[in-house]
Amino acid sequence: MSKSINRVLKLEEAGQFLLSLYLFSLLDYNWWVFPACLLLPDLSITGYLAGPKTGARLYNLFHNKLLAILVLITGFWLSVPWFALAGIILLGHSAMDRALGYGLKLEEGFAYTHLGRIGKKHV
């Protein structure tokens, strides 16, 4: 992937993260709730205890932006603030991860993502 395309994609992800902050501001929660919950989707990494295939599937479920958007829209539509919060956290977390270069996981192992391999570069 070219550096300029990569830069544009990271800017889009940063914009989505900022959108999640704005959406959070529409809810009646204390400011500290957002950062306190932001890393909760990473608990899905525990799926790797059952192997790389299960781990990748569980991790990807909690890092899927379509799911995040459906949860947050449903939360706002039904006026269920905690459900909207869950969707906002899922969206913000996924956008933050991708802006930092962490993508959806492939079944080969945790270090293999749709954005490329993470961790130390191997020659």
PDB file of N, CA and C in Angstrom:
ATOM      1  N   MET A   1       0.858  -1.168   0.000  1.00  0.00           N
ATOM      2  CA  MET A   1       0.000   0.000   0.000  1.00  0.00           C
ATOM      3  C   MET A   1       0.903   1.229   0.000  1.00  0.00           C
ATOM      4  N   SER A   2       0.565   2.196  -0.834  1.00  0.00           N
ATOM      5  CA  SER A   2       1.396   3.398  -0.908  1.00  0.00           C
ATOM      6  C   SER A   2       1.267   4.223   0.373  1.00  0.00           C
ATOM      7  N   LYS A   3       2.299   5.001   0.656  1.00  0.00           N
ATOM      8  CA  LYS A   3       2.305   5.807   1.882  1.00  0.00           C
ATOM      9  C   LYS A   3       1.190   6.837   1.891  1.00  0.00           C
ATOM     10  N   SER A   4       0.881   7.417   0.719  1.00  0.00           N
ATOM     11  CA  SER A   4      -0.168   8.444   0.693  1.00  0.00           C
ATOM     12  C   SER A   4      -1.547   7.828   0.933  1.00  0.00           C
ATOM     13  N   ILE A   5      -1.799   6.644   0.390  1.00  0.00           N
ATOM     14  CA  ILE A   5      -3.085   5.976   0.635  1.00  0.00           C
ATOM     15  C   ILE A   5      -3.171   5.572   2.098  1.00  0.00           C
ATOM     16  N   ASN A   6      -2.089   5.058   2.633  1.00  0.00           N
ATOM     17  CA  ASN A   6      -2.045   4.673   4.036  1.00  0.00           C
ATOM     18  C   ASN A   6      -2.335   5.876   4.932  1.00  0.00           C
ATOM     19  N   ARG A   7      -1.778   7.028   4.593  1.00  0.00           N
ATOM     20  CA  ARG A   7      -1.993   8.254   5.355  1.00  0.00           C
ATOM     21  C   ARG A   7      -3.471   8.660   5.310  1.00  0.00           C
ATOM     22  N   VAL A   8      -4.070   8.584   4.125  1.00  0.00           N
ATOM     23  CA  VAL A   8      -5.487   8.942   3.975  1.00  0.00           C
ATOM     24  C   VAL A   8      -6.358   8.005   4.811  1.00  0.00           C
ATOM     25  N   LEU A   9      -6.056   6.709   4.768  1.00  0.00           N
ATOM     26  CA  LEU A   9      -6.838   5.746   5.553  1.00  0.00           C
ATOM     27  C   LEU A   9      -6.713   6.014   7.055  1.00  0.00           C
ATOM     28  N   LYS A  10      -5.519   6.355   7.498  1.00  0.00           N
ATOM     29  CA  LYS A  10      -5.328   6.655   8.921  1.00  0.00           C
ATOM     30  C   LYS A  10      -6.062   7.932   9.322  1.00  0.00           C
ATOM     31  N   LEU A  11      -6.117   8.915   8.413  1.00  0.00           N
ATOM     32  CA  LEU A  11      -6.882  10.139   8.687  1.00  0.00           C
ATOM     33  C   LEU A  11      -8.378   9.842   8.778  1.00  0.00           C
ATOM     34  N   GLU A  12      -8.863   8.968   7.900  1.00  0.00           N
ATOM     35  CA  GLU A  12     -10.279   8.570   7.972  1.00  0.00           C
ATOM     36  C   GLU A  12     -10.582   7.918   9.316  1.00  0.00           C
ATOM     37  N   GLU A  13      -9.697   7.048   9.746  1.00  0.00           N
ATOM     38  CA  GLU A  13      -9.892   6.374  11.034  1.00  0.00           C
ATOM     39  C   GLU A  13      -9.854   7.379  12.181  1.00  0.00           C
ATOM     40  N   ALA A  14      -8.945   8.341  12.112  1.00  0.00           N
ATOM     41  CA  ALA A  14      -8.879   9.385  13.139  1.00  0.00           C
ATOM     42  C   ALA A  14     -10.184  10.183  13.158  1.00  0.00           C
ATOM     43  N   GLY A  15     -10.731  10.455  11.982  1.00  0.00           N
ATOM     44  CA  GLY A  15     -12.017  11.153  11.897  1.00  0.00           C
ATOM     45  C   GLY A  15     -13.132  10.355  12.526  1.00  0.00           C
ATOM     46  N   GLN A  16     -13.131   9.046  12.315  1.00  0.00           N
ATOM     47  CA  GLN A  16     -14.154   8.197  12.930  1.00  0.00           C
ATOM     48  C   GLN A  16     -13.989   8.156  14.448  1.00  0.00           C
ATOM     49  N   PHE A  17     -12.757   8.197  14.911  1.00  0.00           N
ATOM     50  CA  PHE A  17     -12.529   8.255  16.356  1.00  0.00           C
ATOM     51  C   PHE A  17     -13.082   9.555  16.926  1.00  0.00           C
ATOM     52  N   LEU A  18     -12.835  10.666  16.236  1.00  0.00           N
ATOM     53  CA  LEU A  18     -13.380  11.957  16.679  1.00  0.00           C
ATOM     54  C   LEU A  18     -14.907  11.937  16.658  1.00  0.00           C
ATOM     55  N   LEU A  19     -15.487  11.271  15.661  1.00  0.00           N
ATOM     56  CA  LEU A  19     -16.945  11.122  15.605  1.00  0.00           C
ATOM     57  C   LEU A  19     -17.438  10.375  16.848  1.00  0.00           C
ATOM     58  N   SER A  20     -16.717   9.340  17.254  1.00  0.00           N
ATOM     59  CA  SER A  20     -17.141   8.605  18.449  1.00  0.00           C
ATOM     60  C   SER A  20     -17.089   9.490  19.690  1.00  0.00           C
ATOM     61  N   LEU A  21     -16.106  10.388  19.766  1.00  0.00           N
ATOM     62  CA  LEU A  21     -16.051  11.338  20.887  1.00  0.00           C
ATOM     63  C   LEU A  21     -17.252  12.274  20.871  1.00  0.00           C
ATOM     64  N   TYR A  22     -17.601  12.753  19.676  1.00  0.00           N
ATOM     65  CA  TYR A  22     -18.768  13.628  19.562  1.00  0.00           C
ATOM     66  C   TYR A  22     -20.043  12.885  19.973  1.00  0.00           C
ATOM     67  N   LEU A  23     -20.222  11.677  19.460  1.00  0.00           N
ATOM     68  CA  LEU A  23     -21.420  10.899  19.799  1.00  0.00           C
ATOM     69  C   LEU A  23     -21.482  10.635  21.298  1.00  0.00           C
ATOM     70  N   PHE A  24     -20.321  10.383  21.903  1.00  0.00           N
ATOM     71  CA  PHE A  24     -20.273  10.185  23.347  1.00  0.00           C
ATOM     72  C   PHE A  24     -20.746  11.443  24.076  1.00  0.00           C
ATOM     73  N   SER A  25     -20.382  12.609  23.556  1.00  0.00           N
ATOM     74  CA  SER A  25     -20.772  13.869  24.202  1.00  0.00           C
ATOM     75  C   SER A  25     -22.284  14.067  24.198  1.00  0.00           C
ATOM     76  N   LEU A  26     -23.002  13.347  23.337  1.00  0.00           N
ATOM     77  CA  LEU A  26     -24.463  13.449  23.290  1.00  0.00           C
ATOM     78  C   LEU A  26     -25.129  12.651  24.408  1.00  0.00           C
ATOM     79  N   LEU A  27     -24.361  11.781  25.031  1.00  0.00           N
ATOM     80  CA  LEU A  27     -24.887  10.972  26.132  1.00  0.00           C
ATOM     81  C   LEU A  27     -24.617  11.669  27.459  1.00  0.00           C
ATOM     82  N   ASP A  28     -25.352  11.291  28.461  1.00  0.00           N
ATOM     83  CA  ASP A  28     -25.220  11.915  29.776  1.00  0.00           C
ATOM     84  C   ASP A  28     -24.338  11.068  30.696  1.00  0.00           C
ATOM     85  N   TYR A  29     -23.057  10.933  30.295  1.00  0.00           N
ATOM     86  CA  TYR A  29     -22.081  10.207  31.098  1.00  0.00           C
ATOM     87  C   TYR A  29     -20.951  11.163  31.472  1.00  0.00           C
ATOM     88  N   ASN A  30     -20.299  10.888  32.591  1.00  0.00           N
ATOM     89  CA  ASN A  30     -19.106  11.653  32.947  1.00  0.00           C
ATOM     90  C   ASN A  30     -18.026  11.407  31.903  1.00  0.00           C
ATOM     91  N   TRP A  31     -17.155  12.382  31.695  1.00  0.00           N
ATOM     92  CA  TRP A  31     -16.127  12.307  30.662  1.00  0.00           C
ATOM     93  C   TRP A  31     -15.210  11.103  30.818  1.00  0.00           C
ATOM     94  N   TRP A  32     -14.928  10.695  32.066  1.00  0.00           N
ATOM     95  CA  TRP A  32     -13.978   9.615  32.315  1.00  0.00           C
ATOM     96  C   TRP A  32     -14.483   8.253  31.854  1.00  0.00           C
ATOM     97  N   VAL A  33     -15.778   8.134  31.610  1.00  0.00           N
ATOM     98  CA  VAL A  33     -16.346   6.842  31.188  1.00  0.00           C
ATOM     99  C   VAL A  33     -15.786   6.417  29.828  1.00  0.00           C
ATOM    100  N   PHE A  34     -15.609   7.388  28.918  1.00  0.00           N
ATOM    101  CA  PHE A  34     -15.095   7.050  27.585  1.00  0.00           C
ATOM    102  C   PHE A  34     -13.711   6.409  27.663  1.00  0.00           C
ATOM    103  N   PRO A  35     -12.713   7.072  28.265  1.00  0.00           N
ATOM    104  CA  PRO A  35     -11.398   6.413  28.317  1.00  0.00           C
ATOM    105  C   PRO A  35     -11.399   5.145  29.174  1.00  0.00           C
ATOM    106  N   ALA A  36     -12.259   5.100  30.195  1.00  0.00           N
ATOM    107  CA  ALA A  36     -12.316   3.914  31.050  1.00  0.00           C
ATOM    108  C   ALA A  36     -12.817   2.688  30.286  1.00  0.00           C
ATOM    109  N   CYS A  37     -13.678   2.910  29.304  1.00  0.00           N
ATOM    110  CA  CYS A  37     -14.266   1.803  28.542  1.00  0.00           C
ATOM    111  C   CYS A  37     -13.558   1.528  27.221  1.00  0.00           C
ATOM    112  N   LEU A  38     -12.712   2.436  26.792  1.00  0.00           N
ATOM    113  CA  LEU A  38     -12.153   2.386  25.438  1.00  0.00           C
ATOM    114  C   LEU A  38     -11.404   1.101  25.114  1.00  0.00           C
ATOM    115  N   LEU A  39     -10.752   0.494  26.068  1.00  0.00           N
ATOM    116  CA  LEU A  39      -9.989  -0.725  25.786  1.00  0.00           C
ATOM    117  C   LEU A  39     -10.766  -2.013  26.071  1.00  0.00           C
ATOM    118  N   LEU A  40     -12.008  -1.893  26.514  1.00  0.00           N
ATOM    119  CA  LEU A  40     -12.803  -3.089  26.812  1.00  0.00           C
ATOM    120  C   LEU A  40     -12.951  -4.045  25.623  1.00  0.00           C
ATOM    121  N   PRO A  41     -13.103  -3.563  24.385  1.00  0.00           N
ATOM    122  CA  PRO A  41     -13.210  -4.522  23.271  1.00  0.00           C
ATOM    123  C   PRO A  41     -11.997  -5.435  23.136  1.00  0.00           C
ATOM    124  N   ASP A  42     -10.860  -5.034  23.668  1.00  0.00           N
ATOM    125  CA  ASP A  42      -9.676  -5.886  23.589  1.00  0.00           C
ATOM    126  C   ASP A  42      -9.764  -7.110  24.498  1.00  0.00           C
ATOM    127  N   LEU A  43     -10.756  -7.153  25.388  1.00  0.00           N
ATOM    128  CA  LEU A  43     -10.960  -8.366  26.189  1.00  0.00           C
ATOM    129  C   LEU A  43     -11.300  -9.559  25.286  1.00  0.00           C
ATOM    130  N   SER A  44     -11.727  -9.263  24.061  1.00  0.00           N
ATOM    131  CA  SER A  44     -12.045 -10.334  23.108  1.00  0.00           C
ATOM    132  C   SER A  44     -10.805 -11.141  22.735  1.00  0.00           C
ATOM    133  N   ILE A  45      -9.641 -10.661  23.087  1.00  0.00           N
ATOM    134  CA  ILE A  45      -8.394 -11.388  22.830  1.00  0.00           C
ATOM    135  C   ILE A  45      -8.388 -12.724  23.576  1.00  0.00           C
ATOM    136  N   THR A  46      -9.204 -12.837  24.612  1.00  0.00           N
ATOM    137  CA  THR A  46      -9.264 -14.088  25.370  1.00  0.00           C
ATOM    138  C   THR A  46      -9.723 -15.258  24.496  1.00  0.00           C
ATOM    139  N   GLY A  47     -10.342 -14.962  23.363  1.00  0.00           N
ATOM    140  CA  GLY A  47     -10.731 -16.021  22.429  1.00  0.00           C
ATOM    141  C   GLY A  47      -9.540 -16.814  21.921  1.00  0.00           C
ATOM    142  N   TYR A  48      -8.356 -16.204  21.967  1.00  0.00           N
ATOM    143  CA  TYR A  48      -7.148 -16.912  21.520  1.00  0.00           C
ATOM    144  C   TYR A  48      -6.773 -18.054  22.451  1.00  0.00           C
ATOM    145  N   LEU A  49      -7.350 -18.097  23.641  1.00  0.00           N
ATOM    146  CA  LEU A  49      -7.114 -19.231  24.534  1.00  0.00           C
ATOM    147  C   LEU A  49      -7.678 -20.514  23.935  1.00  0.00           C
ATOM    148  N   ALA A  50      -8.666 -20.368  23.038  1.00  0.00           N
ATOM    149  CA  ALA A  50      -9.278 -21.528  22.370  1.00  0.00           C
ATOM    150  C   ALA A  50      -8.642 -21.795  21.006  1.00  0.00           C
ATOM    151  N   GLY A  51      -7.603 -21.030  20.660  1.00  0.00           N
ATOM    152  CA  GLY A  51      -6.914 -21.236  19.392  1.00  0.00           C
ATOM    153  C   GLY A  51      -7.027 -20.031  18.482  1.00  0.00           C
ATOM    154  N   PRO A  52      -6.186 -19.991  17.436  1.00  0.00           N
ATOM    155  CA  PRO A  52      -6.145 -18.826  16.560  1.00  0.00           C
ATOM    156  C   PRO A  52      -7.423 -18.594  15.743  1.00  0.00           C
ATOM    157  N   LYS A  53      -8.094 -19.654  15.345  1.00  0.00           N
ATOM    158  CA  LYS A  53      -9.321 -19.499  14.555  1.00  0.00           C
ATOM    159  C   LYS A  53     -10.433 -18.871  15.404  1.00  0.00           C
ATOM    160  N   THR A  54     -10.659 -19.416  16.578  1.00  0.00           N
ATOM    161  CA  THR A  54     -11.670 -18.872  17.489  1.00  0.00           C
ATOM    162  C   THR A  54     -11.275 -17.476  17.945  1.00  0.00           C
ATOM    163  N   GLY A  55      -9.989 -17.300  18.241  1.00  0.00           N
ATOM    164  CA  GLY A  55      -9.503 -15.996  18.678  1.00  0.00           C
ATOM    165  C   GLY A  55      -9.740 -14.927  17.637  1.00  0.00           C
ATOM    166  N   ALA A  56      -9.407 -15.220  16.385  1.00  0.00           N
ATOM    167  CA  ALA A  56      -9.600 -14.247  15.305  1.00  0.00           C
ATOM    168  C   ALA A  56     -11.080 -13.917  15.135  1.00  0.00           C
ATOM    169  N   ARG A  57     -11.919 -14.919  15.182  1.00  0.00           N
ATOM    170  CA  ARG A  57     -13.363 -14.686  15.000  1.00  0.00           C
ATOM    171  C   ARG A  57     -13.947 -13.832  16.121  1.00  0.00           C
ATOM    172  N   LEU A  58     -13.613 -14.132  17.356  1.00  0.00           N
ATOM    173  CA  LEU A  58     -14.138 -13.352  18.481  1.00  0.00           C
ATOM    174  C   LEU A  58     -13.583 -11.931  18.463  1.00  0.00           C
ATOM    175  N   TYR A  59     -12.280 -11.818  18.227  1.00  0.00           N
ATOM    176  CA  TYR A  59     -11.653 -10.505  18.156  1.00  0.00           C
ATOM    177  C   TYR A  59     -12.303  -9.658  17.058  1.00  0.00           C
ATOM    178  N   ASN A  60     -12.480 -10.244  15.878  1.00  0.00           N
ATOM    179  CA  ASN A  60     -13.054  -9.514  14.749  1.00  0.00           C
ATOM    180  C   ASN A  60     -14.509  -9.125  14.993  1.00  0.00           C
ATOM    181  N   LEU A  61     -15.249  -9.947  15.729  1.00  0.00           N
ATOM    182  CA  LEU A  61     -16.633  -9.597  16.066  1.00  0.00           C
ATOM    183  C   LEU A  61     -16.678  -8.298  16.861  1.00  0.00           C
ATOM    184  N   PHE A  62     -15.788  -8.163  17.836  1.00  0.00           N
ATOM    185  CA  PHE A  62     -15.773  -6.978  18.690  1.00  0.00           C
ATOM    186  C   PHE A  62     -15.009  -5.802  18.088  1.00  0.00           C
ATOM    187  N   HIS A  63     -14.460  -5.992  16.902  1.00  0.00           N
ATOM    188  CA  HIS A  63     -13.751  -4.920  16.200  1.00  0.00           C
ATOM    189  C   HIS A  63     -14.386  -4.651  14.833  1.00  0.00           C
ATOM    190  N   ASN A  64     -15.631  -5.048  14.683  1.00  0.00           N
ATOM    191  CA  ASN A  64     -16.353  -4.886  13.432  1.00  0.00           C
ATOM    192  C   ASN A  64     -17.158  -3.589  13.485  1.00  0.00           C
ATOM    193  N   LYS A  65     -16.897  -2.702  12.557  1.00  0.00           N
ATOM    194  CA  LYS A  65     -17.557  -1.395  12.595  1.00  0.00           C
ATOM    195  C   LYS A  65     -19.043  -1.469  12.256  1.00  0.00           C
ATOM    196  N   LEU A  66     -19.449  -2.426  11.425  1.00  0.00           N
ATOM    197  CA  LEU A  66     -20.879  -2.561  11.134  1.00  0.00           C
ATOM    198  C   LEU A  66     -21.636  -2.910  12.406  1.00  0.00           C
ATOM    199  N   LEU A  67     -21.116  -3.849  13.182  1.00  0.00           N
ATOM    200  CA  LEU A  67     -21.744  -4.191  14.455  1.00  0.00           C
ATOM    201  C   LEU A  67     -21.791  -2.963  15.359  1.00  0.00           C
ATOM    202  N   ALA A  68     -20.685  -2.222  15.429  1.00  0.00           N
ATOM    203  CA  ALA A  68     -20.628  -1.022  16.267  1.00  0.00           C
ATOM    204  C   ALA A  68     -21.709  -0.026  15.872  1.00  0.00           C
ATOM    205  N   ILE A  69     -21.852   0.212  14.577  1.00  0.00           N
ATOM    206  CA  ILE A  69     -22.838   1.179  14.082  1.00  0.00           C
ATOM    207  C   ILE A  69     -24.253   0.698  14.364  1.00  0.00           C
ATOM    208  N   LEU A  70     -24.513  -0.584  14.163  1.00  0.00           N
ATOM    209  CA  LEU A  70     -25.854  -1.121  14.451  1.00  0.00           C
ATOM    210  C   LEU A  70     -26.191  -1.009  15.931  1.00  0.00           C
ATOM    211  N   VAL A  71     -25.227  -1.280  16.792  1.00  0.00           N
ATOM    212  CA  VAL A  71     -25.450  -1.184  18.242  1.00  0.00           C
ATOM    213  C   VAL A  71     -25.696   0.266  18.638  1.00  0.00           C
ATOM    214  N   LEU A  72     -24.883   1.189  18.139  1.00  0.00           N
ATOM    215  CA  LEU A  72     -25.054   2.585  18.559  1.00  0.00           C
ATOM    216  C   LEU A  72     -26.346   3.186  18.010  1.00  0.00           C
ATOM    217  N   ILE A  73     -26.715   2.872  16.770  1.00  0.00           N
ATOM    218  CA  ILE A  73     -27.982   3.371  16.217  1.00  0.00           C
ATOM    219  C   ILE A  73     -29.154   2.811  17.005  1.00  0.00           C
ATOM    220  N   THR A  74     -29.097   1.518  17.319  1.00  0.00           N
ATOM    221  CA  THR A  74     -30.177   0.896  18.098  1.00  0.00           C
ATOM    222  C   THR A  74     -30.285   1.546  19.474  1.00  0.00           C
ATOM    223  N   GLY A  75     -29.140   1.814  20.095  1.00  0.00           N
ATOM    224  CA  GLY A  75     -29.149   2.458  21.410  1.00  0.00           C
ATOM    225  C   GLY A  75     -29.775   3.834  21.385  1.00  0.00           C
ATOM    226  N   PHE A  76     -29.427   4.640  20.369  1.00  0.00           N
ATOM    227  CA  PHE A  76     -30.031   5.972  20.252  1.00  0.00           C
ATOM    228  C   PHE A  76     -31.515   5.860  19.900  1.00  0.00           C
ATOM    229  N   TRP A  77     -31.837   4.970  18.971  1.00  0.00           N
ATOM    230  CA  TRP A  77     -33.218   4.826  18.487  1.00  0.00           C
ATOM    231  C   TRP A  77     -34.155   4.382  19.606  1.00  0.00           C
ATOM    232  N   LEU A  78     -33.689   3.438  20.424  1.00  0.00           N
ATOM    233  CA  LEU A  78     -34.521   2.934  21.523  1.00  0.00           C
ATOM    234  C   LEU A  78     -34.342   3.739  22.813  1.00  0.00           C
ATOM    235  N   SER A  79     -33.508   4.774  22.770  1.00  0.00           N
ATOM    236  CA  SER A  79     -33.204   5.595  23.951  1.00  0.00           C
ATOM    237  C   SER A  79     -32.671   4.753  25.116  1.00  0.00           C
ATOM    238  N   VAL A  80     -31.709   3.899  24.781  1.00  0.00           N
ATOM    239  CA  VAL A  80     -31.046   3.073  25.790  1.00  0.00           C
ATOM    240  C   VAL A  80     -29.578   3.520  25.825  1.00  0.00           C
ATOM    241  N   PRO A  81     -29.261   4.470  26.711  1.00  0.00           N
ATOM    242  CA  PRO A  81     -27.931   5.076  26.714  1.00  0.00           C
ATOM    243  C   PRO A  81     -26.769   4.089  26.830  1.00  0.00           C
ATOM    244  N   TRP A  82     -26.884   3.061  27.658  1.00  0.00           N
ATOM    245  CA  TRP A  82     -25.769   2.129  27.818  1.00  0.00           C
ATOM    246  C   TRP A  82     -25.516   1.348  26.535  1.00  0.00           C
ATOM    247  N   PHE A  83     -26.582   1.094  25.762  1.00  0.00           N
ATOM    248  CA  PHE A  83     -26.422   0.376  24.491  1.00  0.00           C
ATOM    249  C   PHE A  83     -25.768   1.287  23.454  1.00  0.00           C
ATOM    250  N   ALA A  84     -26.184   2.555  23.437  1.00  0.00           N
ATOM    251  CA  ALA A  84     -25.540   3.532  22.549  1.00  0.00           C
ATOM    252  C   ALA A  84     -24.068   3.673  22.930  1.00  0.00           C
ATOM    253  N   LEU A  85     -23.795   3.717  24.230  1.00  0.00           N
ATOM    254  CA  LEU A  85     -22.412   3.802  24.707  1.00  0.00           C
ATOM    255  C   LEU A  85     -21.595   2.612  24.211  1.00  0.00           C
ATOM    256  N   ALA A  86     -22.163   1.422  24.285  1.00  0.00           N
ATOM    257  CA  ALA A  86     -21.446   0.228  23.819  1.00  0.00           C
ATOM    258  C   ALA A  86     -21.083   0.363  22.344  1.00  0.00           C
ATOM    259  N   GLY A  87     -22.010   0.831  21.527  1.00  0.00           N
ATOM    260  CA  GLY A  87     -21.731   1.020  20.110  1.00  0.00           C
ATOM    261  C   GLY A  87     -20.677   2.087  19.864  1.00  0.00           C
ATOM    262  N   ILE A  88     -20.747   3.161  20.617  1.00  0.00           N
ATOM    263  CA  ILE A  88     -19.768   4.248  20.481  1.00  0.00           C
ATOM    264  C   ILE A  88     -18.372   3.759  20.865  1.00  0.00           C
ATOM    265  N   ILE A  89     -18.281   2.987  21.930  1.00  0.00           N
ATOM    266  CA  ILE A  89     -16.992   2.447  22.363  1.00  0.00           C
ATOM    267  C   ILE A  89     -16.450   1.481  21.312  1.00  0.00           C
ATOM    268  N   LEU A  90     -17.311   0.611  20.783  1.00  0.00           N
ATOM    269  CA  LEU A  90     -16.863  -0.318  19.737  1.00  0.00           C
ATOM    270  C   LEU A  90     -16.354   0.440  18.514  1.00  0.00           C
ATOM    271  N   LEU A  91     -17.073   1.465  18.108  1.00  0.00           N
ATOM    272  CA  LEU A  91     -16.666   2.263  16.941  1.00  0.00           C
ATOM    273  C   LEU A  91     -15.362   3.006  17.223  1.00  0.00           C
ATOM    274  N   GLY A  92     -15.302   3.688  18.346  1.00  0.00           N
ATOM    275  CA  GLY A  92     -14.106   4.458  18.688  1.00  0.00           C
ATOM    276  C   GLY A  92     -12.881   3.578  18.839  1.00  0.00           C
ATOM    277  N   HIS A  93     -13.054   2.446  19.483  1.00  0.00           N
ATOM    278  CA  HIS A  93     -11.930   1.533  19.678  1.00  0.00           C
ATOM    279  C   HIS A  93     -11.426   0.984  18.345  1.00  0.00           C
ATOM    280  N   SER A  94     -12.339   0.552  17.494  1.00  0.00           N
ATOM    281  CA  SER A  94     -11.950  -0.006  16.194  1.00  0.00           C
ATOM    282  C   SER A  94     -11.246   1.039  15.345  1.00  0.00           C
ATOM    283  N   ALA A  95     -11.751   2.261  15.338  1.00  0.00           N
ATOM    284  CA  ALA A  95     -11.125   3.338  14.576  1.00  0.00           C
ATOM    285  C   ALA A  95      -9.733   3.642  15.127  1.00  0.00           C
ATOM    286  N   MET A  96      -9.609   3.685  16.447  1.00  0.00           N
ATOM    287  CA  MET A  96      -8.310   3.943  17.071  1.00  0.00           C
ATOM    288  C   MET A  96      -7.313   2.842  16.697  1.00  0.00           C
ATOM    289  N   ASP A  97      -7.746   1.593  16.802  1.00  0.00           N
ATOM    290  CA  ASP A  97      -6.870   0.475  16.457  1.00  0.00           C
ATOM    291  C   ASP A  97      -6.370   0.585  15.022  1.00  0.00           C
ATOM    292  N   ARG A  98      -7.271   0.846  14.097  1.00  0.00           N
ATOM    293  CA  ARG A  98      -6.888   0.886  12.686  1.00  0.00           C
ATOM    294  C   ARG A  98      -6.023   2.105  12.384  1.00  0.00           C
ATOM    295  N   ALA A  99      -6.275   3.213  13.056  1.00  0.00           N
ATOM    296  CA  ALA A  99      -5.420   4.390  12.869  1.00  0.00           C
ATOM    297  C   ALA A  99      -3.998   4.094  13.330  1.00  0.00           C
ATOM    298  N   LEU A 100      -3.859   3.195  14.311  1.00  0.00           N
ATOM    299  CA  LEU A 100      -2.548   2.808  14.823  1.00  0.00           C
ATOM    300  C   LEU A 100      -1.942   1.626  14.058  1.00  0.00           C
ATOM    301  N   GLY A 101      -2.685   1.113  13.067  1.00  0.00           N
ATOM    302  CA  GLY A 101      -2.162   0.034  12.234  1.00  0.00           C
ATOM    303  C   GLY A 101      -2.557  -1.365  12.657  1.00  0.00           C
ATOM    304  N   TYR A 102      -3.477  -1.486  13.619  1.00  0.00           N
ATOM    305  CA  TYR A 102      -3.934  -2.798  14.062  1.00  0.00           C
ATOM    306  C   TYR A 102      -5.246  -3.123  13.365  1.00  0.00           C
ATOM    307  N   GLY A 103      -5.234  -4.158  12.555  1.00  0.00           N
ATOM    308  CA  GLY A 103      -6.407  -4.487  11.766  1.00  0.00           C
ATOM    309  C   GLY A 103      -7.156  -5.695  12.287  1.00  0.00           C
ATOM    310  N   LEU A 104      -8.128  -6.107  11.501  1.00  0.00           N
ATOM    311  CA  LEU A 104      -8.869  -7.325  11.801  1.00  0.00           C
ATOM    312  C   LEU A 104      -7.916  -8.511  11.693  1.00  0.00           C
ATOM    313  N   LYS A 105      -8.130  -9.503  12.522  1.00  0.00           N
ATOM    314  CA  LYS A 105      -7.197 -10.622  12.612  1.00  0.00           C
ATOM    315  C   LYS A 105      -7.481 -11.699  11.573  1.00  0.00           C
ATOM    316  N   LEU A 106      -6.400 -12.276  11.065  1.00  0.00           N
ATOM    317  CA  LEU A 106      -6.492 -13.435  10.186  1.00  0.00           C
ATOM    318  C   LEU A 106      -6.314 -14.680  11.046  1.00  0.00           C
ATOM    319  N   GLU A 107      -6.740 -15.824  10.546  1.00  0.00           N
ATOM    320  CA  GLU A 107      -6.704 -17.048  11.345  1.00  0.00           C
ATOM    321  C   GLU A 107      -5.308 -17.640  11.521  1.00  0.00           C
ATOM    322  N   GLU A 108      -4.301 -17.077  10.847  1.00  0.00           N
ATOM    323  CA  GLU A 108      -2.932 -17.580  10.993  1.00  0.00           C
ATOM    324  C   GLU A 108      -2.341 -17.269  12.363  1.00  0.00           C
ATOM    325  N   GLY A 109      -2.862 -16.275  13.030  1.00  0.00           N
ATOM    326  CA  GLY A 109      -2.362 -15.920  14.355  1.00  0.00           C
ATOM    327  C   GLY A 109      -2.606 -14.449  14.638  1.00  0.00           C
ATOM    328  N   PHE A 110      -2.407 -14.065  15.877  1.00  0.00           N
ATOM    329  CA  PHE A 110      -2.727 -12.713  16.317  1.00  0.00           C
ATOM    330  C   PHE A 110      -1.975 -11.635  15.551  1.00  0.00           C
ATOM    331  N   ALA A 111      -0.757 -11.891  15.160  1.00  0.00           N
ATOM    332  CA  ALA A 111       0.068 -10.876  14.490  1.00  0.00           C
ATOM    333  C   ALA A 111      -0.330 -10.641  13.029  1.00  0.00           C
ATOM    334  N   TYR A 112      -1.178 -11.475  12.483  1.00  0.00           N
ATOM    335  CA  TYR A 112      -1.561 -11.368  11.070  1.00  0.00           C
ATOM    336  C   TYR A 112      -2.903 -10.656  10.944  1.00  0.00           C
ATOM    337  N   THR A 113      -2.886  -9.480  10.286  1.00  0.00           N
ATOM    338  CA  THR A 113      -4.103  -8.679  10.163  1.00  0.00           C
ATOM    339  C   THR A 113      -4.372  -8.305   8.712  1.00  0.00           C
ATOM    340  N   HIS A 114      -5.548  -7.780   8.463  1.00  0.00           N
ATOM    341  CA  HIS A 114      -5.895  -7.353   7.106  1.00  0.00           C
ATOM    342  C   HIS A 114      -5.075  -6.140   6.672  1.00  0.00           C
ATOM    343  N   LEU A 115      -4.391  -5.495   7.603  1.00  0.00           N
ATOM    344  CA  LEU A 115      -3.521  -4.362   7.282  1.00  0.00           C
ATOM    345  C   LEU A 115      -2.060  -4.782   7.165  1.00  0.00           C
ATOM    346  N   GLY A 116      -1.784  -6.061   7.357  1.00  0.00           N
ATOM    347  CA  GLY A 116      -0.420  -6.567   7.307  1.00  0.00           C
ATOM    348  C   GLY A 116      -0.009  -7.133   8.658  1.00  0.00           C
ATOM    349  N   ARG A 117       1.197  -7.632   8.713  1.00  0.00           N
ATOM    350  CA  ARG A 117       1.699  -8.247   9.939  1.00  0.00           C
ATOM    351  C   ARG A 117       2.095  -7.151  10.928  1.00  0.00           C
ATOM    352  N   ILE A 118       1.741  -7.368  12.200  1.00  0.00           N
ATOM    353  CA  ILE A 118       2.140  -6.420  13.236  1.00  0.00           C
ATOM    354  C   ILE A 118       3.295  -7.010  14.030  1.00  0.00           C
ATOM    355  N   GLY A 119       4.017  -6.169  14.694  1.00  0.00           N
ATOM    356  CA  GLY A 119       5.141  -6.621  15.504  1.00  0.00           C
ATOM    357  C   GLY A 119       6.451  -6.440  14.767  1.00  0.00           C
ATOM    358  N   LYS A 120       7.478  -7.144  15.242  1.00  0.00           N
ATOM    359  CA  LYS A 120       8.809  -7.036  14.655  1.00  0.00           C
ATOM    360  C   LYS A 120       8.783  -7.485  13.201  1.00  0.00           C
ATOM    361  N   LYS A 121       9.501  -6.753  12.362  1.00  0.00           N
ATOM    362  CA  LYS A 121       9.617  -7.096  10.951  1.00  0.00           C
ATOM    363  C   LYS A 121      10.575  -8.264  10.805  1.00  0.00           C
ATOM    364  N   HIS A 122      10.136  -9.278  10.066  1.00  0.00           N
ATOM    365  CA  HIS A 122      10.990 -10.444   9.784  1.00  0.00           C
ATOM    366  C   HIS A 122      11.475 -10.354   8.351  1.00  0.00           C
ATOM    367  N   VAL A 123      12.710 -10.716   8.146  1.00  0.00           N
ATOM    368  CA  VAL A 123      13.289 -10.659   6.802  1.00  0.00           C
ATOM    369  C   VAL A 123      13.158 -11.980   6.106  1.00  0.00           C
TER     370      VAL A 123
END
